[in-house]
């Protein structure tokens, strides 16, 4: 009887997990409307700023990210300026709107600066400790990734 009860609990847990996975997958299925809505939003947007905001929103809503932002890099000044974001912070994301890739100063030696100088994606396992990103504040999500988009 105990074995049967244990098997029943495991089966119920498996069914619950499967339903959760099906719900996640349904967000991306064409007939669910989510992907079609997002595709339509991106296609109809003509304004660059709005397009970048939509990309961040989609990454948060459908990608499961807590917060997403897009920044522009100025090769002349080595400044990195945030231009769009979405996610857990209703206002400005952590660390303000500017960062730097200048290697000679501490703020430029973090994951953002390294990713830009190396022109490679970088991962940070403790974003709260990053110069110009975490500002020493603790968040529910501690990790992050920086992905330079090269044109």
N, C-alpha and C. Protein backbone atom coordinates (compact mmCIF):
# COMPACT_ATOMS: atom_id res chain seq x y z
N UNK A 1 0.82 -1.19 0.00
CA UNK A 1 0.00 0.00 0.00
C UNK A 1 0.87 1.26 0.00
N UNK A 2 1.96 1.26 0.81
CA UNK A 2 2.85 2.41 0.86
C UNK A 2 3.53 2.64 -0.48
N UNK A 3 3.92 1.58 -1.14
CA UNK A 3 4.55 1.71 -2.45
C UNK A 3 3.57 2.31 -3.46
N UNK A 4 2.35 1.89 -3.37
CA UNK A 4 1.32 2.42 -4.26
C UNK A 4 1.08 3.90 -3.99
N UNK A 5 1.05 4.30 -2.73
CA UNK A 5 0.88 5.70 -2.37
C UNK A 5 2.07 6.53 -2.87
N UNK A 6 3.27 6.01 -2.70
CA UNK A 6 4.47 6.70 -3.16
C UNK A 6 4.45 6.85 -4.69
N UNK A 7 4.10 5.80 -5.39
CA UNK A 7 4.01 5.85 -6.85
C UNK A 7 2.96 6.87 -7.29
N UNK A 8 1.86 6.95 -6.57
CA UNK A 8 0.80 7.89 -6.89
C UNK A 8 1.29 9.33 -6.70
N UNK A 9 2.02 9.61 -5.62
CA UNK A 9 2.56 10.95 -5.38
C UNK A 9 3.55 11.34 -6.49
N UNK A 10 4.39 10.41 -6.87
CA UNK A 10 5.35 10.68 -7.94
C UNK A 10 4.64 10.96 -9.26
N UNK A 11 3.61 10.20 -9.54
CA UNK A 11 2.84 10.40 -10.76
C UNK A 11 2.16 11.77 -10.76
N UNK A 12 1.60 12.16 -9.62
CA UNK A 12 0.95 13.47 -9.52
C UNK A 12 1.98 14.60 -9.72
N UNK A 13 3.17 14.43 -9.15
CA UNK A 13 4.22 15.43 -9.32
C UNK A 13 4.63 15.51 -10.80
N UNK A 14 4.78 14.36 -11.45
CA UNK A 14 5.14 14.35 -12.87
C UNK A 14 4.08 15.03 -13.72
N UNK A 15 2.82 14.78 -13.42
CA UNK A 15 1.73 15.40 -14.16
C UNK A 15 1.76 16.91 -13.98
N UNK A 16 1.98 17.36 -12.76
CA UNK A 16 2.05 18.79 -12.47
C UNK A 16 3.21 19.44 -13.23
N UNK A 17 4.37 18.82 -13.21
CA UNK A 17 5.53 19.34 -13.93
C UNK A 17 5.27 19.39 -15.42
N UNK A 18 4.64 18.37 -15.94
CA UNK A 18 4.33 18.33 -17.37
C UNK A 18 3.38 19.46 -17.76
N UNK A 19 2.37 19.70 -16.93
CA UNK A 19 1.43 20.80 -17.21
C UNK A 19 2.15 22.14 -17.21
N UNK A 20 3.06 22.33 -16.27
CA UNK A 20 3.82 23.58 -16.23
C UNK A 20 4.67 23.75 -17.49
N UNK A 21 5.30 22.68 -17.94
CA UNK A 21 6.10 22.74 -19.16
C UNK A 21 5.22 23.03 -20.38
N UNK A 22 4.05 22.40 -20.43
CA UNK A 22 3.13 22.64 -21.54
C UNK A 22 2.68 24.09 -21.59
N UNK A 23 2.46 24.70 -20.41
CA UNK A 23 2.07 26.10 -20.36
C UNK A 23 3.19 27.00 -20.87
N UNK A 24 4.42 26.68 -20.52
CA UNK A 24 5.56 27.46 -21.01
C UNK A 24 5.68 27.34 -22.53
N UNK A 25 5.54 26.13 -23.03
CA UNK A 25 5.66 25.90 -24.47
C UNK A 25 4.52 26.59 -25.21
N UNK A 26 3.33 26.61 -24.63
CA UNK A 26 2.17 27.21 -25.28
C UNK A 26 2.39 28.68 -25.61
N UNK A 27 3.21 29.37 -24.81
CA UNK A 27 3.50 30.78 -25.07
C UNK A 27 4.15 30.98 -26.43
N UNK A 28 4.88 29.97 -26.90
CA UNK A 28 5.64 30.09 -28.14
C UNK A 28 4.97 29.42 -29.33
N UNK A 29 3.87 28.75 -29.11
CA UNK A 29 3.19 28.09 -30.22
C UNK A 29 2.43 29.13 -31.04
N UNK A 30 2.48 29.01 -32.36
CA UNK A 30 1.82 29.99 -33.22
C UNK A 30 0.34 30.20 -32.92
N UNK A 31 -0.38 29.16 -32.57
CA UNK A 31 -1.81 29.31 -32.33
C UNK A 31 -2.12 29.88 -30.96
N UNK A 32 -1.11 30.10 -30.12
CA UNK A 32 -1.36 30.67 -28.81
C UNK A 32 -1.56 32.18 -28.89
N UNK A 33 -1.13 32.80 -29.96
CA UNK A 33 -1.29 34.23 -30.14
C UNK A 33 -0.13 35.06 -29.62
N UNK A 34 0.64 34.55 -28.66
CA UNK A 34 1.74 35.31 -28.08
C UNK A 34 2.81 35.65 -29.08
N UNK A 35 3.29 34.67 -29.81
CA UNK A 35 4.35 34.90 -30.78
C UNK A 35 3.83 35.77 -31.92
N UNK A 36 2.64 35.51 -32.37
CA UNK A 36 2.07 36.30 -33.46
C UNK A 36 1.90 37.76 -33.06
N UNK A 37 1.44 37.98 -31.83
CA UNK A 37 1.28 39.34 -31.33
C UNK A 37 2.63 40.06 -31.29
N UNK A 38 3.64 39.36 -30.78
CA UNK A 38 4.97 39.97 -30.67
C UNK A 38 5.57 40.22 -32.04
N UNK A 39 5.39 39.28 -32.95
CA UNK A 39 5.89 39.45 -34.31
C UNK A 39 5.22 40.66 -34.95
N UNK A 40 3.92 40.78 -34.78
CA UNK A 40 3.19 41.91 -35.35
C UNK A 40 3.68 43.23 -34.74
N UNK A 41 3.96 43.22 -33.45
CA UNK A 41 4.44 44.43 -32.79
C UNK A 41 5.78 44.86 -33.37
N UNK A 42 6.67 43.92 -33.56
CA UNK A 42 7.99 44.24 -34.10
C UNK A 42 7.90 44.71 -35.54
N UNK A 43 7.04 44.08 -36.33
CA UNK A 43 6.91 44.44 -37.74
C UNK A 43 6.30 45.84 -37.90
N UNK A 44 5.34 46.19 -37.07
CA UNK A 44 4.65 47.48 -37.23
C UNK A 44 5.43 48.65 -36.67
N UNK A 45 6.39 48.41 -35.78
CA UNK A 45 7.15 49.49 -35.16
C UNK A 45 8.10 50.11 -36.18
N UNK A 46 8.05 51.40 -36.29
CA UNK A 46 8.92 52.12 -37.23
C UNK A 46 9.99 52.92 -36.47
N UNK A 47 9.73 53.19 -35.21
CA UNK A 47 10.64 53.98 -34.40
C UNK A 47 11.70 53.07 -33.77
N UNK A 48 12.98 53.41 -33.93
CA UNK A 48 14.09 52.59 -33.43
C UNK A 48 13.99 52.38 -31.92
N UNK A 49 13.72 53.43 -31.17
CA UNK A 49 13.63 53.34 -29.71
C UNK A 49 12.52 52.38 -29.29
N UNK A 50 11.38 52.47 -29.94
CA UNK A 50 10.25 51.59 -29.62
C UNK A 50 10.58 50.14 -29.97
N UNK A 51 11.30 49.93 -31.07
CA UNK A 51 11.70 48.59 -31.47
C UNK A 51 12.60 47.96 -30.40
N UNK A 52 13.55 48.72 -29.89
CA UNK A 52 14.44 48.21 -28.86
C UNK A 52 13.68 47.90 -27.56
N UNK A 53 12.72 48.76 -27.22
CA UNK A 53 11.88 48.51 -26.03
C UNK A 53 11.06 47.24 -26.20
N UNK A 54 10.52 47.04 -27.40
CA UNK A 54 9.75 45.82 -27.68
C UNK A 54 10.62 44.57 -27.55
N UNK A 55 11.85 44.65 -28.05
CA UNK A 55 12.76 43.51 -27.95
C UNK A 55 13.03 43.17 -26.48
N UNK A 56 13.22 44.18 -25.65
CA UNK A 56 13.44 43.93 -24.22
C UNK A 56 12.20 43.34 -23.57
N UNK A 57 11.04 43.88 -23.90
CA UNK A 57 9.79 43.37 -23.34
C UNK A 57 9.57 41.90 -23.69
N UNK A 58 9.81 41.56 -24.94
CA UNK A 58 9.64 40.18 -25.39
C UNK A 58 10.61 39.25 -24.66
N UNK A 59 11.85 39.70 -24.48
CA UNK A 59 12.84 38.88 -23.77
C UNK A 59 12.40 38.61 -22.34
N UNK A 60 11.79 39.59 -21.69
CA UNK A 60 11.33 39.41 -20.32
C UNK A 60 10.07 38.53 -20.28
N UNK A 61 9.08 38.88 -21.10
CA UNK A 61 7.80 38.18 -21.04
C UNK A 61 7.86 36.75 -21.55
N UNK A 62 8.61 36.52 -22.62
CA UNK A 62 8.63 35.18 -23.21
C UNK A 62 9.94 34.44 -23.01
N UNK A 63 10.98 35.17 -22.70
CA UNK A 63 12.29 34.53 -22.49
C UNK A 63 12.55 34.14 -21.06
N UNK A 64 11.71 34.63 -20.15
CA UNK A 64 11.87 34.28 -18.75
C UNK A 64 12.97 35.06 -18.04
N UNK A 65 13.44 36.17 -18.62
CA UNK A 65 14.47 36.98 -17.98
C UNK A 65 13.82 37.93 -16.97
N UNK A 66 14.51 38.18 -15.87
CA UNK A 66 13.98 39.09 -14.86
C UNK A 66 14.05 40.54 -15.30
N UNK A 67 15.11 40.88 -15.97
CA UNK A 67 15.30 42.24 -16.50
C UNK A 67 16.20 42.13 -17.73
N UNK A 68 15.92 42.95 -18.71
CA UNK A 68 16.71 42.97 -19.94
C UNK A 68 16.92 44.43 -20.32
N UNK A 69 18.12 44.74 -20.81
CA UNK A 69 18.33 46.07 -21.33
C UNK A 69 19.26 46.04 -22.53
N UNK A 70 19.15 47.09 -23.34
CA UNK A 70 19.99 47.26 -24.51
C UNK A 70 20.71 48.60 -24.35
N UNK A 71 22.01 48.56 -24.57
CA UNK A 71 22.83 49.77 -24.48
C UNK A 71 23.56 50.00 -25.79
N UNK A 72 23.94 51.24 -26.02
CA UNK A 72 24.75 51.59 -27.18
C UNK A 72 26.16 51.92 -26.72
N UNK A 73 27.12 51.56 -27.55
CA UNK A 73 28.53 51.81 -27.27
C UNK A 73 29.04 52.91 -28.18
N UNK A 74 29.69 53.88 -27.59
CA UNK A 74 30.30 54.97 -28.36
C UNK A 74 31.80 54.70 -28.44
N UNK A 75 32.33 54.29 -29.60
CA UNK A 75 33.74 53.97 -29.70
C UNK A 75 34.67 55.16 -29.47
N UNK A 76 34.19 56.37 -29.65
CA UNK A 76 35.02 57.55 -29.44
C UNK A 76 35.26 57.81 -27.95
N UNK A 77 34.22 57.67 -27.13
CA UNK A 77 34.34 57.96 -25.70
C UNK A 77 34.45 56.70 -24.85
N UNK A 78 34.12 55.55 -25.44
CA UNK A 78 34.04 54.25 -24.76
C UNK A 78 32.91 54.20 -23.75
N UNK A 79 31.94 55.12 -23.88
CA UNK A 79 30.76 55.11 -23.02
C UNK A 79 29.76 54.07 -23.50
N UNK A 80 29.07 53.49 -22.55
CA UNK A 80 27.99 52.55 -22.82
C UNK A 80 26.74 53.16 -22.21
N UNK A 81 25.77 53.50 -23.06
CA UNK A 81 24.57 54.20 -22.59
C UNK A 81 23.33 53.33 -22.81
N UNK A 82 22.60 53.11 -21.76
CA UNK A 82 21.38 52.30 -21.83
C UNK A 82 20.32 53.05 -22.61
N UNK A 83 19.71 52.38 -23.59
CA UNK A 83 18.70 53.03 -24.43
C UNK A 83 17.32 52.40 -24.32
N UNK A 84 17.25 51.16 -23.83
CA UNK A 84 15.95 50.50 -23.68
C UNK A 84 16.06 49.43 -22.61
N UNK A 85 14.96 49.18 -21.91
CA UNK A 85 14.96 48.14 -20.89
C UNK A 85 13.53 47.72 -20.56
N UNK A 86 13.43 46.56 -19.93
CA UNK A 86 12.15 46.05 -19.43
C UNK A 86 12.47 45.07 -18.32
N UNK A 87 11.53 44.90 -17.42
CA UNK A 87 11.74 43.89 -16.39
C UNK A 87 11.37 44.32 -15.00
N UNK A 88 12.03 43.70 -14.03
CA UNK A 88 11.63 43.80 -12.64
C UNK A 88 11.68 45.21 -12.07
N UNK A 89 12.50 46.08 -12.59
CA UNK A 89 12.52 47.47 -12.13
C UNK A 89 11.60 48.27 -13.03
N UNK A 90 10.65 48.95 -12.43
CA UNK A 90 9.72 49.74 -13.23
C UNK A 90 10.42 50.94 -13.86
N UNK A 91 11.40 51.49 -13.19
CA UNK A 91 12.11 52.64 -13.72
C UNK A 91 13.45 52.23 -14.28
N UNK A 92 14.43 53.05 -13.99
CA UNK A 92 15.78 52.83 -14.48
C UNK A 92 16.37 51.55 -13.88
N UNK A 93 17.02 50.71 -14.71
CA UNK A 93 17.65 49.49 -14.19
C UNK A 93 18.83 49.82 -13.28
N UNK A 94 19.35 48.80 -12.65
CA UNK A 94 20.45 48.96 -11.71
C UNK A 94 21.60 49.74 -12.32
N UNK A 95 22.21 50.58 -11.52
CA UNK A 95 23.45 51.23 -11.91
C UNK A 95 23.30 52.47 -12.77
N UNK A 96 22.10 52.95 -12.98
CA UNK A 96 21.93 54.14 -13.80
C UNK A 96 21.99 53.82 -15.28
N UNK A 97 22.12 54.88 -16.09
CA UNK A 97 22.01 54.69 -17.53
C UNK A 97 23.35 54.61 -18.24
N UNK A 98 24.45 54.84 -17.53
CA UNK A 98 25.76 54.84 -18.20
C UNK A 98 26.71 53.83 -17.56
N UNK A 99 27.59 53.34 -18.40
CA UNK A 99 28.69 52.49 -17.98
C UNK A 99 29.86 52.87 -18.87
N UNK A 100 30.92 52.11 -18.80
CA UNK A 100 32.08 52.43 -19.63
C UNK A 100 32.84 51.16 -19.99
N UNK A 101 33.61 51.25 -21.05
CA UNK A 101 34.49 50.15 -21.45
C UNK A 101 35.95 50.58 -21.32
N UNK A 102 36.18 51.69 -20.62
CA UNK A 102 37.56 52.18 -20.44
C UNK A 102 38.29 51.28 -19.45
N UNK A 103 39.32 50.60 -19.91
CA UNK A 103 40.04 49.63 -19.08
C UNK A 103 40.88 50.28 -18.00
N UNK A 104 41.23 51.55 -18.15
CA UNK A 104 42.13 52.19 -17.18
C UNK A 104 41.43 52.65 -15.90
N UNK A 105 40.11 52.53 -15.84
CA UNK A 105 39.40 52.91 -14.61
C UNK A 105 38.64 51.69 -14.08
N UNK A 106 38.41 51.62 -12.77
CA UNK A 106 37.76 50.45 -12.18
C UNK A 106 36.40 50.11 -12.79
N UNK A 107 35.60 51.13 -13.09
CA UNK A 107 34.26 50.88 -13.64
C UNK A 107 34.30 50.17 -14.99
N UNK A 108 35.38 50.37 -15.73
CA UNK A 108 35.51 49.75 -17.04
C UNK A 108 36.09 48.35 -17.01
N UNK A 109 36.49 47.89 -15.83
CA UNK A 109 37.11 46.57 -15.70
C UNK A 109 36.10 45.47 -15.39
N UNK A 110 34.84 45.83 -15.27
CA UNK A 110 33.81 44.84 -14.98
C UNK A 110 33.40 44.05 -16.21
N UNK A 111 32.34 43.28 -16.05
CA UNK A 111 31.90 42.38 -17.11
C UNK A 111 31.45 43.14 -18.36
N UNK A 112 30.85 44.30 -18.20
CA UNK A 112 30.40 45.08 -19.37
C UNK A 112 31.61 45.54 -20.19
N UNK A 113 32.57 46.16 -19.52
CA UNK A 113 33.75 46.64 -20.22
C UNK A 113 34.51 45.52 -20.91
N UNK A 114 34.69 44.39 -20.20
CA UNK A 114 35.41 43.25 -20.79
C UNK A 114 34.68 42.69 -22.00
N UNK A 115 33.38 42.56 -21.92
CA UNK A 115 32.60 42.01 -23.04
C UNK A 115 32.74 42.90 -24.27
N UNK A 116 32.70 44.20 -24.06
CA UNK A 116 32.80 45.12 -25.19
C UNK A 116 34.21 45.12 -25.77
N UNK A 117 35.21 45.20 -24.93
CA UNK A 117 36.59 45.23 -25.44
C UNK A 117 36.95 43.93 -26.14
N UNK A 118 36.52 42.80 -25.60
CA UNK A 118 36.83 41.50 -26.19
C UNK A 118 35.91 41.14 -27.35
N UNK A 119 34.81 41.91 -27.50
CA UNK A 119 33.79 41.63 -28.52
C UNK A 119 33.28 40.20 -28.42
N UNK A 120 33.05 39.76 -27.16
CA UNK A 120 32.55 38.41 -26.88
C UNK A 120 31.53 38.48 -25.77
N UNK A 121 30.55 37.58 -25.78
CA UNK A 121 29.61 37.51 -24.66
C UNK A 121 30.35 37.21 -23.36
N UNK A 122 29.81 37.72 -22.27
CA UNK A 122 30.40 37.48 -20.96
C UNK A 122 29.29 37.19 -19.97
N UNK A 123 29.59 36.37 -18.97
CA UNK A 123 28.62 35.99 -17.96
C UNK A 123 29.10 36.50 -16.61
N UNK A 124 28.17 36.98 -15.82
CA UNK A 124 28.46 37.47 -14.48
C UNK A 124 27.61 36.69 -13.49
N UNK A 125 28.23 36.06 -12.53
CA UNK A 125 27.49 35.27 -11.55
C UNK A 125 27.06 36.06 -10.33
N UNK A 126 27.53 37.30 -10.17
CA UNK A 126 27.13 38.15 -9.05
C UNK A 126 27.01 39.58 -9.55
N UNK A 127 25.90 39.88 -10.17
CA UNK A 127 25.73 41.18 -10.81
C UNK A 127 25.70 42.32 -9.80
N UNK A 128 25.31 42.05 -8.57
CA UNK A 128 25.27 43.09 -7.55
C UNK A 128 26.67 43.59 -7.20
N UNK A 129 27.69 42.79 -7.46
CA UNK A 129 29.06 43.19 -7.15
C UNK A 129 29.74 43.89 -8.32
N UNK A 130 29.10 43.96 -9.46
CA UNK A 130 29.70 44.55 -10.65
C UNK A 130 29.74 46.08 -10.57
N UNK A 131 30.88 46.68 -10.91
CA UNK A 131 30.95 48.14 -10.97
C UNK A 131 29.97 48.68 -12.01
N UNK A 132 29.27 49.74 -11.67
CA UNK A 132 28.30 50.42 -12.54
C UNK A 132 27.10 49.56 -12.92
N UNK A 133 26.91 48.44 -12.27
CA UNK A 133 25.73 47.63 -12.57
C UNK A 133 24.95 47.40 -11.30
N UNK A 134 25.56 46.68 -10.36
CA UNK A 134 24.84 46.30 -9.15
C UNK A 134 24.78 47.36 -8.09
N UNK A 135 25.74 48.26 -8.09
CA UNK A 135 25.82 49.30 -7.07
C UNK A 135 25.73 48.74 -5.66
N UNK A 136 26.18 47.49 -5.47
CA UNK A 136 26.18 46.89 -4.14
C UNK A 136 24.82 46.46 -3.65
N UNK A 137 23.76 46.63 -4.48
CA UNK A 137 22.41 46.26 -4.05
C UNK A 137 22.15 44.80 -4.38
N UNK A 138 21.50 44.10 -3.50
CA UNK A 138 21.17 42.70 -3.73
C UNK A 138 19.84 42.60 -4.45
N UNK A 139 19.75 41.68 -5.36
CA UNK A 139 18.55 41.42 -6.15
C UNK A 139 18.19 39.96 -6.03
N UNK A 140 16.99 39.62 -6.40
CA UNK A 140 16.58 38.21 -6.41
C UNK A 140 17.38 37.43 -7.45
N UNK A 141 17.71 38.07 -8.56
CA UNK A 141 18.48 37.42 -9.62
C UNK A 141 19.91 37.91 -9.54
N UNK A 142 20.83 37.02 -9.32
CA UNK A 142 22.21 37.42 -9.10
C UNK A 142 23.09 37.35 -10.34
N UNK A 143 22.67 36.63 -11.36
CA UNK A 143 23.51 36.44 -12.53
C UNK A 143 23.02 37.24 -13.71
N UNK A 144 23.89 37.34 -14.69
CA UNK A 144 23.51 38.04 -15.91
C UNK A 144 24.48 37.73 -17.03
N UNK A 145 24.13 38.16 -18.20
CA UNK A 145 24.98 37.98 -19.36
C UNK A 145 25.01 39.26 -20.17
N UNK A 146 26.17 39.54 -20.72
CA UNK A 146 26.35 40.70 -21.59
C UNK A 146 26.67 40.13 -22.98
N UNK A 147 25.89 40.54 -23.97
CA UNK A 147 26.07 40.03 -25.32
C UNK A 147 26.26 41.21 -26.27
N UNK A 148 27.51 41.51 -26.64
CA UNK A 148 27.73 42.60 -27.58
C UNK A 148 27.21 42.22 -28.97
N UNK A 149 26.44 43.10 -29.56
CA UNK A 149 25.94 42.87 -30.92
C UNK A 149 26.81 43.70 -31.85
N UNK A 150 27.57 43.04 -32.67
CA UNK A 150 28.52 43.71 -33.55
C UNK A 150 27.89 43.95 -34.91
N UNK A 151 28.00 45.18 -35.38
CA UNK A 151 27.43 45.54 -36.69
C UNK A 151 28.53 45.72 -37.69
